Amino acid sequence: MARVSSVSGSRAVVAVAPGRRVGAAAAVVVASALGVWLLWRAFVDTWAGQRVDQAAVDGAQYGRTELWRVGERVLDVVSVGLIAAVLLAAVVIAVLRRRWELAVQVAIVMAGANLTTQVLKKWVFERPDMDVPGDYGNTLPSGHTTAAASISVVLLLVVPPRVRPWAAVLGAGYTALTGVSTLVGQWHRPSDVVAAVLVVLAWTAATCTLVVFVRPDGGTAARGIPAVDAVDAVDAPDASRALRRGVVTALVVAGLAAGAVAVIALTGTYQHRYALTSRTELLTAYAGGAAGIVAASALAFAAALVLRHTAALGLRRA
């Protein structure tokens, strides 16, 4: 049930039931986890999937010299030191904003996502030998992409509301650039990258439930209004709301458009899976894989922005 309350004088708001928001976050967690398993099942555990995925990697050899000059620099940025520095900065921002639950949230997202990727890649998922060229063991999910996406997400989680849309755009762009760079360098297959993005999204959704039950004054949703940011409790200006909605819409449209390109290209690759040797076929697979990475990044950060805003706000204009 929603409850009518008031903040900032005469501004009336309706508190959205915490259970509804927890249910939405839980659905994202389940969908993301299922997506990771389906990616492994389709592209790693079947001969056809391995052929399609590897064709995208083989296609990266065309034009690699110029693209790798950029991609190598992008991947060199990702390191344990950078992860530690961003985590420290995110915790400091959360503490300065007096949002202790956010400090815990970002630590859980960063540690949980990166540890999950390593556990899945090394001990859970196996890559059967199906006599597909380029078989160098299981690489799903991508560690570099997980690091880049988790870095971007923790910044999205801790920045003030008016900055979140820009953080989502930059995060989606940086994650996609890192993921595509691993493909350009033939370090990872497209399925590895998309799986990594889903791992981070799952942890983001899971930890967004923390702020649903925490109030800035230390209380809980059971005793009053659900989790609200001290700034978010007051209705945001129309321009701020319009920017957030515009960014979400733009990311979704970009994600769906890139996803359509990926589906068309990879469907064509699948149809020629028995003879993927020509330049055109390999470049088509390469383009499809890159488009799939862009689609996953855009849609994941659109979802993360919505989850963060909804979990922190919990209030809507009456």
Foldseek 3Di string as FASTA:
>chain_A
DWAWDDDDPPFIWIFFDLVVLLVVLVVLLVVLVVLLVVLCVQQFVDPLNVLLQVLLLVLLVVPLVVLLVVLVVLLVVDDPVVLVVLLVVLLVLCVVLLNNLLNVLLVCLSVQLLVVQVCCQPPNGWGDCPPHPPPPIGCAAPNSLLSLLSSLLSVLQRDDLLCNLVSLVVSLVSSLSNLLSCSSVSNDTLSNSLSSLSSSLSSLSNSLSSQQQADSVGHGVVVHRGAARPVLQDPDDPVSVVSLVVSLVVLQVLLVVLQVLLVVLSVVLSVCSVDQDDSVNSNSSNSSSSSNSSNSSSNSSSVSNVSSSCSHNSIDGD
